[in-house]
Structure formats: C-alpha cells, structure tokens
Amino acid sequence: MKRVVFLFFVVLLMLPACTEEDFKTENPVITLELDNGGEIVIELFPDTAPNTTKNFVHLVQQRFYDGLNFHRVVPGFVIQGGCPLGNGTGNPGWFIRGEFSANGFDNPLEHQRGVVSMARRGDSYDSAGSQFFIVVEDAPHLDGGYAAFGRVLEGMTEVETIVNAEASNQRPLQPRNIVKATVNLNKWQPEEPEKTAIVN
C-alpha cells in the first residue's frame, strides 16, 4: 500500500504545471502575478463587454497594473484593485461607458463566484476606469448595474486568501500587490478603448 501511495505522488510531481496555453479559449487571458508568488488567471469576454475588455487589455499592455494592490476586501463578497492611488479614488485618466443593462447595454454575464467586473462611482454609470473587482460569492444584486467582463480560470484560492486577510474598514492591513499583469491575446485583436471622458 505504501508503495502505491508513493508512486501516486511521484506521478503527481511529474505532471506539468498549468500554463495559459493549457486554457483552451480564443478569448484574451490575463495573468496577475502576485507578490507572494501566486497567480490569478482571468479569461476576458470581449463578446460580452467589448469596450470594457479593450480598456482592461490596454491598461495591462501599458503596464498600468504592475505594482498596484488590492485595496478593498469584503469577506463573502468581493476583492477590489486597480486604483493607482491605492485607496479607491484613483483612475487612469479617463472613464469608459458602463456596459450593463441599466445603462442600455445587453450584458448577460451574471455576478457569480469568480466573475470579474468593473468598479464605478455609485452616482455615475459611465465612471469606470481601471478599478475592478472579483466576486467571491454569488452577488445577483450586482447584475445589470456593473460591467462584468471576465471570469477567474485559476487562482480562486489566492482570491480567498486576499479577501480573508486582516483588514480595517475593508482596507487590508497588508495589501496583496500585483507584481506584474500580462495578457495572452490568443485570437483576439486588441483595439484602443472608447473613452467617455478624460479626467485628471
């Protein structure tokens, strides 16, 4: 019996680690490399939220997310990142239109566990910029009011670790940083995002 268990673990060790190429999709795939050595791999859905996808990929290609952190954690709900100021008030210098039904856009992607969506100001549908959140548990009350545009393929254990970190007023005491964000475009061709406003 011990020999069988030993051989089982030897086989496991010989299996190759998953890479972006292992995810069979024609959609763009984002990899967020974290400062603890972990990764969050995200598939984007350009057919569902085309301009939101363009914007996110554009920011990744500009290395915008490198060095930023997850500044907001709400256990049982979401983690949020992408603020250049690290406090939830920053933007990349522009806003984009909110691609969701309350804003007149058909977006069927539901805010289920692992879905990635754009943060915005509560008083403005067209105020998304660079901040995004990852849903930790199903949140149907967000459907139709926020632009869901992706889903975590790998790394929900990292998301769980981030959301359950010690925090004060939803601010983690030791925020997890994104060391580097990269994109595998697969068969998708990137374009410049359409911006609704240029801001300081």
Protein backbone atom coordinates (compact mmCIF):
# COMPACT_ATOMS: atom_id res chain seq x y z
CA MET A 1 0.00 0.00 0.00
CA LYS A 2 2.79 2.41 0.91
CA ARG A 3 4.46 1.71 -2.42
CA VAL A 4 1.23 2.56 -4.31
CA VAL A 5 0.85 5.85 -2.42
CA PHE A 6 4.50 6.70 -3.08
CA LEU A 7 4.12 6.04 -6.81
CA PHE A 8 0.96 8.15 -6.89
CA PHE A 9 2.80 11.17 -5.51
CA VAL A 10 5.73 10.61 -7.88
CA VAL A 11 3.30 10.75 -10.82
CA LEU A 12 1.73 13.94 -9.46
CA LEU A 13 5.14 15.60 -9.21
CA MET A 14 5.89 14.68 -12.81
CA LEU A 15 2.74 16.37 -14.14
CA PRO A 16 3.46 19.77 -15.74
CA ALA A 17 2.09 22.91 -14.13
CA CYS A 18 -0.80 24.61 -15.91
CA THR A 19 0.11 27.49 -18.19
CA GLU A 20 -2.02 29.95 -20.17
CA GLU A 21 -1.65 27.64 -23.17
CA ASP A 22 -3.50 24.92 -21.24
CA PHE A 23 -6.67 27.02 -21.17
CA LYS A 24 -8.45 26.31 -24.45
CA THR A 25 -10.02 29.61 -25.41
CA GLU A 26 -9.83 32.12 -28.22
CA ASN A 27 -10.50 34.94 -25.75
CA PRO A 28 -7.75 37.04 -24.18
CA VAL A 29 -6.34 35.65 -20.92
CA ILE A 30 -4.85 37.88 -18.22
CA THR A 31 -2.34 36.64 -15.65
CA LEU A 32 -1.87 38.63 -12.45
CA GLU A 33 1.41 37.69 -10.79
CA LEU A 34 1.23 38.43 -7.06
CA ASP A 35 3.92 39.41 -4.59
CA ASN A 36 3.58 36.10 -2.74
CA GLY A 37 4.41 34.11 -5.87
CA GLY A 38 0.78 33.20 -6.56
CA GLU A 39 -1.19 33.93 -9.71
CA ILE A 40 -4.74 34.82 -10.68
CA VAL A 41 -5.57 33.84 -14.26
CA ILE A 42 -8.59 35.55 -15.85
CA GLU A 43 -10.40 34.91 -19.13
CA LEU A 44 -11.96 38.05 -20.63
CA PHE A 45 -15.17 38.05 -22.68
CA PRO A 46 -14.96 40.62 -25.49
CA ASP A 47 -18.26 39.42 -26.98
CA THR A 48 -19.99 40.23 -23.69
CA ALA A 49 -18.33 43.56 -22.83
CA PRO A 50 -16.21 44.65 -25.82
CA ASN A 51 -15.09 48.11 -24.77
CA THR A 52 -14.52 47.06 -21.16
CA THR A 53 -12.27 44.27 -22.44
CA LYS A 54 -10.43 46.70 -24.74
CA ASN A 55 -9.86 49.04 -21.81
CA PHE A 56 -8.59 46.34 -19.46
CA VAL A 57 -6.22 44.85 -22.04
CA HIS A 58 -4.97 48.34 -22.97
CA LEU A 59 -4.12 49.05 -19.32
CA VAL A 60 -2.37 45.70 -18.95
CA GLN A 61 -0.31 46.34 -22.09
CA GLN A 62 0.64 49.77 -20.72
CA ARG A 63 1.87 48.04 -17.50
CA PHE A 64 -0.65 50.13 -15.58
CA TYR A 65 -1.48 47.42 -13.03
CA ASP A 66 2.12 46.49 -12.24
CA GLY A 67 2.78 47.37 -8.60
CA LEU A 68 -0.83 48.18 -7.69
CA ASN A 69 -2.63 46.39 -4.87
CA PHE A 70 -6.00 45.02 -3.84
CA HIS A 71 -7.10 47.91 -1.65
CA ARG A 72 -10.59 46.67 -0.70
CA VAL A 73 -11.65 43.32 0.75
CA VAL A 74 -15.17 42.33 1.77
CA PRO A 75 -15.37 38.71 3.00
CA GLY A 76 -18.17 36.79 1.31
CA PHE A 77 -18.46 39.47 -1.37
CA VAL A 78 -15.51 40.88 -3.37
CA ILE A 79 -11.88 41.93 -3.56
CA GLN A 80 -11.14 45.15 -5.44
CA GLY A 81 -7.96 46.51 -7.03
CA GLY A 82 -6.64 48.64 -9.87
CA CYS A 83 -6.53 52.01 -8.10
CA PRO A 84 -3.29 53.89 -8.83
CA LEU A 85 -3.63 55.73 -5.51
CA GLY A 86 -4.27 52.56 -3.53
CA ASN A 87 -7.32 53.95 -1.76
CA GLY A 88 -10.21 53.53 -4.21
CA THR A 89 -10.29 57.11 -5.51
CA GLY A 90 -7.90 56.89 -8.47
CA ASN A 91 -8.38 56.36 -12.20
CA PRO A 92 -6.18 56.01 -15.29
CA GLY A 93 -7.01 59.48 -16.58
CA TRP A 94 -10.26 58.59 -18.34
CA PHE A 95 -13.63 56.92 -17.94
CA ILE A 96 -15.48 54.41 -20.11
CA ARG A 97 -19.15 53.66 -20.68
CA GLY A 98 -20.70 51.12 -18.33
CA GLU A 99 -21.63 48.04 -20.33
CA PHE A 100 -24.64 46.75 -18.38
CA SER A 101 -28.40 46.70 -18.80
CA ALA A 102 -29.19 49.64 -16.51
CA ASN A 103 -27.08 51.71 -18.91
CA GLY A 104 -28.82 50.41 -22.02
CA PHE A 105 -26.28 47.69 -22.85
CA ASP A 106 -27.09 43.98 -23.08
CA ASN A 107 -24.64 42.14 -20.81
CA PRO A 108 -25.85 38.67 -19.78
CA LEU A 109 -22.86 37.73 -17.61
CA GLU A 110 -24.06 37.19 -14.04
CA HIS A 111 -22.03 38.16 -10.99
CA GLN A 112 -21.30 34.63 -9.83
CA ARG A 113 -18.32 33.45 -7.83
CA GLY A 114 -15.11 34.14 -9.76
CA VAL A 115 -16.58 36.74 -12.12
CA VAL A 116 -14.53 39.89 -12.76
CA SER A 117 -16.35 43.21 -13.09
CA MET A 118 -15.60 46.93 -13.26
CA ALA A 119 -15.96 49.19 -10.24
CA ARG A 120 -17.53 52.62 -10.70
CA ARG A 121 -18.86 55.56 -8.73
CA GLY A 122 -22.30 54.85 -7.35
CA ASP A 123 -23.72 58.05 -8.84
CA SER A 124 -22.44 57.53 -12.39
CA TYR A 125 -22.91 54.64 -14.82
CA ASP A 126 -20.05 55.89 -17.03
CA SER A 127 -17.34 56.28 -14.38
CA ALA A 128 -15.36 53.03 -14.69
CA GLY A 129 -11.68 53.49 -15.37
CA SER A 130 -9.16 51.00 -14.07
CA GLN A 131 -10.62 49.64 -10.84
CA PHE A 132 -12.04 46.13 -10.98
CA PHE A 133 -13.39 43.59 -8.53
CA ILE A 134 -13.54 39.82 -8.30
CA VAL A 135 -16.70 38.27 -6.87
CA VAL A 136 -16.04 35.80 -4.03
CA GLU A 137 -19.64 34.60 -3.64
CA ASP A 138 -22.61 34.91 -5.98
CA ALA A 139 -23.89 38.51 -5.93
CA PRO A 140 -27.02 38.72 -8.13
CA HIS A 141 -27.85 42.21 -6.84
CA LEU A 142 -24.92 43.48 -8.95
CA ASP A 143 -26.35 42.07 -12.19
CA GLY A 144 -27.38 44.78 -14.62
CA GLY A 145 -25.64 47.53 -12.67
CA TYR A 146 -21.96 46.70 -13.16
CA ALA A 147 -19.98 45.66 -16.22
CA ALA A 148 -19.00 42.02 -15.74
CA PHE A 149 -16.37 41.13 -18.33
CA GLY A 150 -14.32 38.13 -17.21
CA ARG A 151 -14.00 35.07 -15.03
CA VAL A 152 -11.17 33.59 -12.95
CA LEU A 153 -9.81 30.43 -14.60
CA GLU A 154 -7.24 29.70 -11.93
CA GLY A 155 -6.32 31.29 -8.61
CA MET A 156 -9.52 31.48 -6.57
CA THR A 157 -7.50 30.17 -3.62
CA GLU A 158 -5.43 33.35 -3.92
CA VAL A 159 -8.61 35.43 -4.08
CA GLU A 160 -9.88 33.70 -0.93
CA THR A 161 -6.61 34.42 0.87
CA ILE A 162 -6.81 38.09 -0.10
CA VAL A 163 -10.45 38.54 0.92
CA ASN A 164 -9.90 36.91 4.31
CA ALA A 165 -6.78 38.88 5.22
CA GLU A 166 -6.87 41.04 8.34
CA ALA A 167 -8.49 44.37 7.48
CA SER A 168 -9.92 47.54 8.95
CA ASN A 169 -12.93 49.22 7.30
CA GLN A 170 -12.50 46.96 4.25
CA ARG A 171 -8.85 48.03 3.88
CA PRO A 172 -6.35 45.15 4.25
CA LEU A 173 -3.64 45.89 6.79
CA GLN A 174 -1.08 44.27 4.47
CA PRO A 175 -2.47 44.58 0.94
CA ARG A 176 -1.54 41.98 -1.65
CA ASN A 177 0.30 43.58 -4.59
CA ILE A 178 0.17 42.77 -8.28
CA VAL A 179 3.83 42.45 -9.29
CA LYS A 180 3.07 42.09 -13.00
CA ALA A 181 -0.01 41.78 -15.20
CA THR A 182 0.36 40.17 -18.63
CA VAL A 183 -2.01 39.23 -21.44
CA ASN A 184 -2.19 36.35 -23.89
CA LEU A 185 -4.37 37.71 -26.69
CA ASN A 186 -4.95 34.29 -28.30
CA LYS A 187 -7.01 35.02 -31.44
CA TRP A 188 -8.44 38.32 -30.22
CA GLN A 189 -7.17 41.54 -31.78
CA PRO A 190 -6.81 44.50 -29.37
CA GLU A 191 -8.09 47.98 -30.16
CA GLU A 192 -7.99 51.33 -28.39
CA PRO A 193 -10.87 51.67 -25.90
CA GLU A 194 -13.55 54.31 -26.40
CA LYS A 195 -13.40 56.89 -23.61
CA THR A 196 -16.37 58.88 -22.39
CA ALA A 197 -14.32 61.49 -20.53
CA ILE A 198 -10.72 62.49 -19.90
CA VAL A 199 -10.09 63.34 -16.25
CA ASN A 200 -7.16 64.45 -14.10
